[in-house]
Amino acid sequence: MISNDDVRAQQRIDFTVATPGWLRHKASFERASSATTAHMVRLARVSPGDRVLDLACGSGNPAFALAEAVGPRGRVLGLDLAETMVQAARDEADRRGAGNAEFATIEREDELGVADSSFDAATCRAGLQYMPEPGAAIRAIRRALKPGGRFVALTIGSPDLCMPYRLQAELISRHAELTAPDPAAPGPVGLSSPEALRERLGSAGFSDVTVEVLESGLVESESPSAYWTLFEETAVLPLQRVLGTADDGHKRRQEIREDAVRILAERFGDGPVRMTGEVLIAAGVKEE
């Protein structure tokens, strides 16, 4: 049986290997999802001078939007498992001159290394569903918040309404040798139920919990071929595990690429490719 620490270790490897691809295609993700980023910042209700915690910060979305909202007197602390992602966020902070945004690595999602009651707000964008212990992470975030502090979290909603996930399912159905992901394991749609997400925040002690169900852009590319390249470069090791390690892996990879491009062309023609999906945005308050 795989332990939670094993899950974290594998995720750290996955994100480390994928970091160069994520950085190459960062604009494709951020451009498509800019509206939901802005909505998360609004729901967090941050003010100039506030201190904000961003868990699973990746390369800085929504940390930099939050840093703009709290201004030079405020502070944003982004935390992530992967040192390569954290370093990418630090480099971006230097490029932007965002001296109020700091980034650090953590070993576990429930050990944040911050003082209790020290933040005015907290966010977690598309991170909770990957965590082996999301409930413990939410409780840790609550401890870090001051009384009256708000927590805003985004997860992917229904798999049937997530275009990238549906593409993956269609490819699996067409290629019998592909391995379907375990739906019970931490992953892209690990917290896709509004009721489950609401219950997670409520059981962790948050009050006035709301969950919005929205359609959101997820990623954009100029063509079907460009989208599949983006996918291959941002899901390097997960894709290898799905394909397996057979001797004909390269040939199979090319066949699957050609099939994926055909499927995308049927939907988007020559492009652009705009992948959308249902997202859940939850918000809750730590009572006074």
Protein backbone atom coordinates (compact mmCIF):
# COMPACT_ATOMS: atom_id res chain seq x y z
CA MET A 1 0.00 0.00 0.00
CA ILE A 2 1.31 3.44 -0.97
CA SER A 3 1.75 5.77 2.00
CA ASN A 4 0.88 9.46 2.01
CA ASP A 5 4.57 10.29 2.24
CA ASP A 6 5.14 8.18 -0.90
CA VAL A 7 2.42 10.19 -2.67
CA ARG A 8 4.08 13.45 -1.68
CA ALA A 9 7.51 12.20 -2.77
CA GLN A 10 6.17 11.18 -6.18
CA GLN A 11 4.36 14.47 -6.62
CA ARG A 12 7.54 16.35 -5.78
CA ILE A 13 9.35 14.38 -8.50
CA ASP A 14 6.51 14.93 -11.00
CA PHE A 15 6.41 18.68 -10.48
CA THR A 16 10.20 18.96 -10.52
CA VAL A 17 10.42 17.20 -13.87
CA ALA A 18 7.48 19.20 -15.25
CA THR A 19 8.70 22.63 -14.10
CA PRO A 20 10.54 23.53 -17.36
CA GLY A 21 7.40 22.72 -19.37
CA TRP A 22 5.15 24.63 -16.99
CA LEU A 23 7.37 27.67 -17.30
CA ARG A 24 7.41 27.46 -21.10
CA HIS A 25 3.62 27.32 -21.19
CA LYS A 26 2.82 29.41 -18.14
CA ALA A 27 1.14 32.16 -20.13
CA SER A 28 -1.20 29.64 -21.77
CA PHE A 29 -2.59 28.63 -18.38
CA GLU A 30 -2.66 32.09 -16.80
CA ARG A 31 -4.30 33.77 -19.80
CA ALA A 32 -7.10 31.20 -19.91
CA SER A 33 -7.76 31.30 -16.17
CA SER A 34 -7.32 35.02 -15.47
CA ALA A 35 -11.03 35.55 -14.69
CA THR A 36 -11.07 32.87 -11.99
CA THR A 37 -7.85 34.23 -10.51
CA ALA A 38 -9.43 37.67 -10.22
CA HIS A 39 -12.55 36.13 -8.66
CA MET A 40 -10.49 34.29 -6.04
CA VAL A 41 -8.80 37.56 -5.07
CA ARG A 42 -12.20 39.28 -4.76
CA LEU A 43 -13.55 36.47 -2.57
CA ALA A 44 -10.49 36.66 -0.30
CA ARG A 45 -11.45 40.31 0.39
CA VAL A 46 -7.86 41.36 0.97
CA SER A 47 -6.95 44.97 1.71
CA PRO A 48 -3.73 46.98 1.42
CA GLY A 49 -1.37 45.93 4.19
CA ASP A 50 -2.85 42.43 4.65
CA ARG A 51 -0.80 39.24 5.06
CA VAL A 52 -1.93 36.41 2.78
CA LEU A 53 -0.92 32.74 2.64
CA ASP A 54 -1.04 30.89 -0.70
CA LEU A 55 -0.73 27.11 -0.35
CA ALA A 56 0.36 25.03 -3.38
CA CYS A 57 1.59 28.26 -4.95
CA GLY A 58 3.35 26.68 -7.94
CA SER A 59 5.08 29.38 -9.93
CA GLY A 60 2.94 32.18 -8.47
CA ASN A 61 -0.74 32.03 -9.44
CA PRO A 62 -2.62 33.65 -7.65
CA ALA A 63 0.20 34.83 -5.36
CA PHE A 64 1.25 37.72 -7.61
CA ALA A 65 -2.34 38.92 -8.08
CA LEU A 66 -2.69 38.88 -4.29
CA ALA A 67 0.60 40.76 -3.91
CA GLU A 68 -0.77 43.54 -6.12
CA ALA A 69 -3.96 43.67 -4.04
CA VAL A 70 -2.21 43.97 -0.65
CA GLY A 71 0.31 46.52 -1.92
CA PRO A 72 3.83 47.25 -0.71
CA ARG A 73 2.79 47.33 2.96
CA GLY A 74 1.28 43.84 2.68
CA ARG A 75 2.91 40.45 2.35
CA VAL A 76 2.13 37.25 0.46
CA LEU A 77 3.78 33.96 1.39
CA GLY A 78 3.57 31.16 -1.17
CA LEU A 79 4.25 27.57 -0.09
CA ASP A 80 4.79 24.49 -2.26
CA LEU A 81 6.27 20.99 -2.14
CA ALA A 82 8.50 21.44 -5.20
CA GLU A 83 11.66 23.51 -4.83
CA THR A 84 11.87 24.06 -8.60
CA MET A 85 8.41 25.65 -8.64
CA VAL A 86 9.26 27.79 -5.61
CA GLN A 87 12.49 28.94 -7.26
CA ALA A 88 10.55 29.82 -10.41
CA ALA A 89 8.19 31.95 -8.31
CA ARG A 90 11.16 33.66 -6.62
CA ASP A 91 12.68 34.42 -10.01
CA GLU A 92 9.36 35.89 -11.19
CA ALA A 93 9.15 38.01 -8.03
CA ASP A 94 12.61 39.41 -8.80
CA ARG A 95 11.60 40.10 -12.39
CA ARG A 96 8.46 41.93 -11.29
CA GLY A 97 10.12 43.72 -8.40
CA ALA A 98 7.50 42.16 -6.12
CA GLY A 99 9.33 42.54 -2.83
CA ASN A 100 6.14 41.80 -0.88
CA ALA A 101 5.90 38.23 -2.27
CA GLU A 102 7.97 35.48 -0.65
CA PHE A 103 8.07 31.77 -1.44
CA ALA A 104 9.21 28.72 0.51
CA THR A 105 9.11 24.93 0.30
CA ILE A 106 7.31 22.67 2.75
CA GLU A 107 7.54 18.93 3.38
CA ARG A 108 3.82 18.34 4.00
CA GLU A 109 0.60 20.18 3.28
CA ASP A 110 -0.38 20.16 6.98
CA GLU A 111 2.93 21.50 8.33
CA LEU A 112 3.12 25.06 7.06
CA GLY A 113 5.88 26.39 9.30
CA VAL A 114 4.00 29.61 10.11
CA ALA A 115 2.72 31.10 13.36
CA ASP A 116 -0.88 30.58 14.37
CA SER A 117 -3.28 33.48 13.74
CA SER A 118 -0.73 35.36 11.63
CA PHE A 119 -2.51 35.80 8.25
CA ASP A 120 -5.53 37.83 7.18
CA ALA A 121 -6.48 35.54 4.29
CA ALA A 122 -5.39 32.34 2.56
CA THR A 123 -5.84 30.74 -0.85
CA CYS A 124 -5.22 27.40 -2.52
CA ARG A 125 -5.68 27.21 -6.26
CA ALA A 126 -6.01 23.73 -7.82
CA GLY A 127 -3.99 22.17 -5.02
CA LEU A 128 -6.30 20.52 -2.50
CA GLN A 129 -7.32 17.74 -4.90
CA TYR A 130 -3.71 16.57 -5.23
CA MET A 131 -3.07 16.42 -1.48
CA PRO A 132 -3.20 13.05 0.29
CA GLU A 133 -4.59 14.79 3.39
CA PRO A 134 -6.65 17.80 2.21
CA GLY A 135 -8.64 17.98 5.45
CA ALA A 136 -5.45 18.31 7.49
CA ALA A 137 -4.22 21.01 5.09
CA ILE A 138 -7.44 23.00 5.53
CA ARG A 139 -7.18 22.74 9.31
CA ALA A 140 -3.57 23.95 9.13
CA ILE A 141 -4.66 26.92 7.04
CA ARG A 142 -7.39 27.74 9.56
CA ARG A 143 -4.84 27.74 12.38
CA ALA A 144 -2.68 30.16 10.40
CA LEU A 145 -5.53 32.63 9.92
CA LYS A 146 -6.45 35.44 12.27
CA PRO A 147 -10.01 35.45 13.60
CA GLY A 148 -12.19 36.78 10.79
CA GLY A 149 -9.71 35.60 8.14
CA ARG A 150 -11.04 34.15 4.89
CA PHE A 151 -9.93 31.04 3.00
CA VAL A 152 -10.61 30.62 -0.73
CA ALA A 153 -9.93 27.35 -2.55
CA LEU A 154 -10.39 26.30 -6.17
CA THR A 155 -10.69 22.73 -7.40
CA ILE A 156 -11.74 21.15 -10.70
CA GLY A 157 -15.41 20.18 -10.80
CA SER A 158 -17.20 17.43 -12.70
CA PRO A 159 -14.82 15.26 -14.79
CA ASP A 160 -17.53 15.08 -17.47
CA LEU A 161 -17.36 18.87 -17.87
CA CYS A 162 -13.56 19.11 -17.87
CA MET A 163 -12.37 19.11 -21.47
CA PRO A 164 -8.77 17.95 -20.80
CA TYR A 165 -10.03 15.09 -18.61
CA ARG A 166 -12.60 14.07 -21.24
CA LEU A 167 -9.88 14.03 -23.89
CA GLN A 168 -7.83 11.75 -21.67
CA ALA A 169 -10.84 9.45 -21.15
CA GLU A 170 -11.50 9.28 -24.89
CA LEU A 171 -7.89 8.40 -25.61
CA ILE A 172 -7.99 5.67 -22.96
CA SER A 173 -11.15 4.23 -24.54
CA ARG A 174 -9.50 4.21 -27.99
CA HIS A 175 -6.19 2.75 -26.85
CA ALA A 176 -6.82 -0.33 -24.74
CA GLU A 177 -3.18 -0.50 -23.66
CA LEU A 178 -3.44 2.81 -21.78
CA THR A 179 -3.92 2.68 -18.03
CA ALA A 180 -6.84 4.63 -16.58
CA PRO A 181 -6.02 6.74 -13.52
CA ASP A 182 -7.40 5.66 -10.15
CA PRO A 183 -10.36 8.00 -9.48
CA ALA A 184 -9.96 7.56 -5.72
CA ALA A 185 -6.33 8.69 -5.73
CA PRO A 186 -5.23 12.32 -5.31
CA GLY A 187 -5.30 13.93 -8.74
CA PRO A 188 -6.93 16.49 -11.04
CA VAL A 189 -10.52 15.63 -10.05
CA GLY A 190 -9.84 14.40 -6.52
CA LEU A 191 -12.24 16.96 -4.97
CA SER A 192 -14.78 17.46 -7.76
CA SER A 193 -17.99 17.39 -5.68
CA PRO A 194 -19.35 20.72 -4.37
CA GLU A 195 -20.83 18.88 -1.39
CA ALA A 196 -17.52 17.19 -0.55
CA LEU A 197 -15.60 20.46 -0.82
CA ARG A 198 -18.14 22.27 1.36
CA GLU A 199 -17.95 19.48 3.93
CA ARG A 200 -14.15 19.65 4.00
CA LEU A 201 -14.15 23.34 4.89
CA GLY A 202 -17.00 22.99 7.36
CA SER A 203 -15.49 20.04 9.20
CA ALA A 204 -12.20 21.95 9.48
CA GLY A 205 -14.02 24.66 11.42
CA PHE A 206 -14.76 27.29 8.76
CA SER A 207 -18.07 29.16 8.94
CA ASP A 208 -20.27 30.75 6.28
CA VAL A 209 -18.92 28.26 3.73
CA THR A 210 -20.01 28.83 0.14
CA VAL A 211 -19.13 26.85 -2.99
CA GLU A 212 -19.62 28.38 -6.44
CA VAL A 213 -19.80 26.18 -9.53
CA LEU A 214 -18.42 28.01 -12.57
CA GLU A 215 -17.23 27.34 -16.09
CA SER A 216 -13.65 28.49 -16.48
CA GLY A 217 -10.93 28.59 -19.06
CA LEU A 218 -8.17 26.15 -18.17
CA VAL A 219 -5.57 26.46 -20.91
CA GLU A 220 -5.19 27.92 -24.41
CA SER A 221 -2.99 26.96 -27.35
CA GLU A 222 -2.78 28.17 -30.92
CA SER A 223 -3.42 24.76 -32.51
CA PRO A 224 -4.26 21.12 -31.71
CA SER A 225 -0.64 20.12 -32.22
CA ALA A 226 0.58 22.90 -29.93
CA TYR A 227 -1.89 21.85 -27.24
CA TRP A 228 -0.68 18.26 -27.25
CA THR A 229 2.94 19.44 -27.05
CA LEU A 230 1.96 21.53 -24.04
CA PHE A 231 0.31 18.47 -22.47
CA GLU A 232 3.33 16.27 -23.08
CA GLU A 233 5.70 18.87 -21.60
CA THR A 234 3.62 19.64 -18.48
CA ALA A 235 2.61 16.06 -17.60
CA VAL A 236 5.92 14.36 -18.34
CA LEU A 237 6.06 11.56 -15.76
CA PRO A 238 2.28 10.98 -15.41
CA LEU A 239 2.14 10.53 -19.19
CA GLN A 240 5.02 8.07 -19.07
CA ARG A 241 3.23 6.05 -16.39
CA VAL A 242 0.03 5.96 -18.44
CA LEU A 243 1.94 4.82 -21.52
CA GLY A 244 3.92 2.23 -19.62
CA THR A 245 7.46 1.11 -20.35
CA ALA A 246 7.00 -1.24 -23.28
CA ASP A 247 9.68 -1.39 -25.95
CA ASP A 248 7.29 0.18 -28.46
CA GLY A 249 6.60 3.13 -26.13
CA HIS A 250 7.90 5.72 -28.61
CA LYS A 251 5.73 4.35 -31.41
CA ARG A 252 2.69 4.23 -29.15
CA ARG A 253 3.35 7.76 -27.96
CA GLN A 254 3.36 8.98 -31.56
CA GLU A 255 0.17 7.09 -32.38
CA ILE A 256 -1.57 8.58 -29.34
CA ARG A 257 -0.32 12.05 -30.24
CA GLU A 258 -1.74 11.73 -33.76
CA ASP A 259 -5.05 10.50 -32.34
CA ALA A 260 -5.20 13.33 -29.79
CA VAL A 261 -4.53 15.94 -32.48
CA ARG A 262 -7.31 14.42 -34.63
CA ILE A 263 -9.78 14.59 -31.72
CA LEU A 264 -8.85 18.19 -31.00
CA ALA A 265 -9.08 19.16 -34.68
CA GLU A 266 -12.62 17.76 -34.81
CA ARG A 267 -13.56 20.17 -32.03
CA PHE A 268 -11.36 23.20 -32.73
CA GLY A 269 -10.33 22.94 -36.38
CA ASP A 270 -6.89 24.44 -36.93
CA GLY A 271 -7.19 26.39 -33.67
CA PRO A 272 -7.02 28.14 -31.40
CA VAL A 273 -7.67 25.45 -28.79
CA ARG A 274 -9.46 26.76 -25.71
CA MET A 275 -9.91 24.07 -23.10
CA THR A 276 -12.53 24.80 -20.48
CA GLY A 277 -13.91 23.02 -17.48
CA GLU A 278 -16.15 23.27 -14.46
CA VAL A 279 -14.40 24.66 -11.41
CA LEU A 280 -15.48 24.89 -7.79
CA ILE A 281 -14.53 27.95 -5.76
CA ALA A 282 -15.09 27.56 -2.04
CA ALA A 283 -14.85 30.31 0.56
CA GLY A 284 -15.10 30.20 4.34
CA VAL A 285 -14.38 32.37 7.37
CA LYS A 286 -12.54 31.68 10.60
CA GLU A 287 -14.98 33.01 13.16
CA GLU A 288 -14.00 35.83 15.49
